[in-house]
């Protein structure tokens, strides 16, 4: 799974394909840090090209989106949580 949205990088290049690269979850403290990588497009990701940029997101406490079951669809829950943020509100799943 990934997200599709046109986002301009600091260099002016447009990233259209965004994928979770790392999801670090502290189940005891109920905190998570997510790293997103943004690519020109899916073909660039599939060709193992370097991302244009990275984004980091954190949440915890009452904002912690995961339940107590570590067998949950963690990746799906994480993408759903990202889509609640203003910068990802109008994305398309891809």
C-alpha atoms as a PDB file:
ATOM      1  CA  UNK A   1       0.000   0.000   0.000  1.00  0.00           C
ATOM      2  CA  UNK A   2       1.057   3.582  -0.604  1.00  0.00           C
ATOM      3  CA  UNK A   3      -0.480   7.018  -1.002  1.00  0.00           C
ATOM      4  CA  UNK A   4      -0.707   9.138  -4.136  1.00  0.00           C
ATOM      5  CA  UNK A   5      -0.621  12.932  -3.981  1.00  0.00           C
ATOM      6  CA  UNK A   6       1.390  15.634  -5.732  1.00  0.00           C
ATOM      7  CA  UNK A   7       3.751  17.262  -3.226  1.00  0.00           C
ATOM      8  CA  UNK A   8       6.516  19.644  -4.202  1.00  0.00           C
ATOM      9  CA  UNK A   9       9.904  18.881  -2.648  1.00  0.00           C
ATOM     10  CA  UNK A  10      12.334  21.585  -1.521  1.00  0.00           C
ATOM     11  CA  UNK A  11      14.192  21.152  -4.821  1.00  0.00           C
ATOM     12  CA  UNK A  12      10.996  21.856  -6.770  1.00  0.00           C
ATOM     13  CA  UNK A  13      10.553  18.284  -8.008  1.00  0.00           C
ATOM     14  CA  UNK A  14       7.090  16.802  -7.605  1.00  0.00           C
ATOM     15  CA  UNK A  15       6.728  13.618  -5.557  1.00  0.00           C
ATOM     16  CA  UNK A  16       3.584  11.623  -6.354  1.00  0.00           C
ATOM     17  CA  UNK A  17       4.155   8.288  -4.570  1.00  0.00           C
ATOM     18  CA  UNK A  18       4.480   8.094  -0.778  1.00  0.00           C
ATOM     19  CA  UNK A  19       5.244   4.953   1.196  1.00  0.00           C
ATOM     20  CA  UNK A  20       5.811   4.118   4.860  1.00  0.00           C
ATOM     21  CA  UNK A  21       9.461   3.173   5.234  1.00  0.00           C
ATOM     22  CA  UNK A  22       9.614   2.736   8.993  1.00  0.00           C
ATOM     23  CA  UNK A  23       7.069   2.380  11.757  1.00  0.00           C
ATOM     24  CA  UNK A  24       8.511   2.269  15.254  1.00  0.00           C
ATOM     25  CA  UNK A  25       5.913   1.421  17.893  1.00  0.00           C
ATOM     26  CA  UNK A  26       6.437   1.486  21.652  1.00  0.00           C
ATOM     27  CA  UNK A  27       3.554  -0.627  22.935  1.00  0.00           C
ATOM     28  CA  UNK A  28       4.329   0.094  26.598  1.00  0.00           C
ATOM     29  CA  UNK A  29       4.464   3.888  26.246  1.00  0.00           C
ATOM     30  CA  UNK A  30       1.795   3.868  23.523  1.00  0.00           C
ATOM     31  CA  UNK A  31       3.872   5.986  21.161  1.00  0.00           C
ATOM     32  CA  UNK A  32       4.738   5.651  17.479  1.00  0.00           C
ATOM     33  CA  UNK A  33       7.156   7.301  15.053  1.00  0.00           C
ATOM     34  CA  UNK A  34       6.492   6.841  11.346  1.00  0.00           C
ATOM     35  CA  UNK A  35       8.859   7.701   8.488  1.00  0.00           C
ATOM     36  CA  UNK A  36       7.365   8.260   5.043  1.00  0.00           C
ATOM     37  CA  UNK A  37       9.447   8.288   1.871  1.00  0.00           C
ATOM     38  CA  UNK A  38       8.237  10.303  -1.118  1.00  0.00           C
ATOM     39  CA  UNK A  39       9.208   9.360  -4.676  1.00  0.00           C
ATOM     40  CA  UNK A  40       8.715  10.880  -8.112  1.00  0.00           C
ATOM     41  CA  UNK A  41       6.359   7.981  -8.871  1.00  0.00           C
ATOM     42  CA  UNK A  42       5.816   4.260  -8.262  1.00  0.00           C
ATOM     43  CA  UNK A  43       8.250   3.343 -11.043  1.00  0.00           C
ATOM     44  CA  UNK A  44      11.011   5.249  -9.221  1.00  0.00           C
ATOM     45  CA  UNK A  45      10.256   3.325  -6.022  1.00  0.00           C
ATOM     46  CA  UNK A  46      10.120   0.007  -7.875  1.00  0.00           C
ATOM     47  CA  UNK A  47      13.487   0.850  -9.488  1.00  0.00           C
ATOM     48  CA  UNK A  48      14.934   1.483  -6.014  1.00  0.00           C
ATOM     49  CA  UNK A  49      15.634   5.148  -6.786  1.00  0.00           C
ATOM     50  CA  UNK A  50      16.324   7.403  -3.814  1.00  0.00           C
ATOM     51  CA  UNK A  51      13.333   9.218  -2.315  1.00  0.00           C
ATOM     52  CA  UNK A  52      12.971  12.927  -3.062  1.00  0.00           C
ATOM     53  CA  UNK A  53      12.194  13.561   0.598  1.00  0.00           C
ATOM     54  CA  UNK A  54      11.204  12.004   3.895  1.00  0.00           C
ATOM     55  CA  UNK A  55       8.502  12.956   6.358  1.00  0.00           C
ATOM     56  CA  UNK A  56       8.349  12.001  10.022  1.00  0.00           C
ATOM     57  CA  UNK A  57       5.163  11.734  12.053  1.00  0.00           C
ATOM     58  CA  UNK A  58       4.670  10.958  15.738  1.00  0.00           C
ATOM     59  CA  UNK A  59       1.694  10.225  17.882  1.00  0.00           C
ATOM     60  CA  UNK A  60       1.037   8.833  21.298  1.00  0.00           C
ATOM     61  CA  UNK A  61      -1.227   8.876  24.315  1.00  0.00           C
ATOM     62  CA  UNK A  62      -4.861   9.435  23.374  1.00  0.00           C
ATOM     63  CA  UNK A  63      -3.733   9.878  19.746  1.00  0.00           C
ATOM     64  CA  UNK A  64      -2.177   6.376  19.629  1.00  0.00           C
ATOM     65  CA  UNK A  65      -4.147   4.576  16.873  1.00  0.00           C
ATOM     66  CA  UNK A  66      -3.289   0.969  17.677  1.00  0.00           C
ATOM     67  CA  UNK A  67      -5.132  -1.428  19.953  1.00  0.00           C
ATOM     68  CA  UNK A  68      -3.537  -3.930  22.276  1.00  0.00           C
ATOM     69  CA  UNK A  69      -3.431  -6.688  19.664  1.00  0.00           C
ATOM     70  CA  UNK A  70      -0.021  -6.684  17.973  1.00  0.00           C
ATOM     71  CA  UNK A  71      -1.503  -8.865  15.210  1.00  0.00           C
ATOM     72  CA  UNK A  72      -3.587  -5.966  13.896  1.00  0.00           C
ATOM     73  CA  UNK A  73      -3.098  -4.678  10.369  1.00  0.00           C
ATOM     74  CA  UNK A  74      -0.483  -2.198  11.575  1.00  0.00           C
ATOM     75  CA  UNK A  75       0.350  -0.847   8.118  1.00  0.00           C
ATOM     76  CA  UNK A  76      -3.316  -0.285   7.231  1.00  0.00           C
ATOM     77  CA  UNK A  77      -4.027   1.422  10.564  1.00  0.00           C
ATOM     78  CA  UNK A  78      -0.977   3.638  10.065  1.00  0.00           C
ATOM     79  CA  UNK A  79      -2.044   4.732   6.576  1.00  0.00           C
ATOM     80  CA  UNK A  80      -5.572   5.401   7.874  1.00  0.00           C
ATOM     81  CA  UNK A  81      -4.149   7.524  10.707  1.00  0.00           C
ATOM     82  CA  UNK A  82      -1.945   9.494   8.289  1.00  0.00           C
ATOM     83  CA  UNK A  83      -5.007  10.252   6.155  1.00  0.00           C
ATOM     84  CA  UNK A  84      -6.561  12.071   9.135  1.00  0.00           C
ATOM     85  CA  UNK A  85      -3.740  14.652   9.058  1.00  0.00           C
ATOM     86  CA  UNK A  86      -4.433  17.860   7.087  1.00  0.00           C
ATOM     87  CA  UNK A  87      -1.450  17.368   4.748  1.00  0.00           C
ATOM     88  CA  UNK A  88      -2.731  13.922   3.722  1.00  0.00           C
ATOM     89  CA  UNK A  89      -6.475  14.630   3.698  1.00  0.00           C
ATOM     90  CA  UNK A  90      -6.951  14.413  -0.081  1.00  0.00           C
ATOM     91  CA  UNK A  91      -4.704  11.470  -0.928  1.00  0.00           C
ATOM     92  CA  UNK A  92      -5.571   8.454  -3.031  1.00  0.00           C
ATOM     93  CA  UNK A  93      -4.656   4.907  -1.974  1.00  0.00           C
ATOM     94  CA  UNK A  94      -2.482   3.111  -4.488  1.00  0.00           C
END
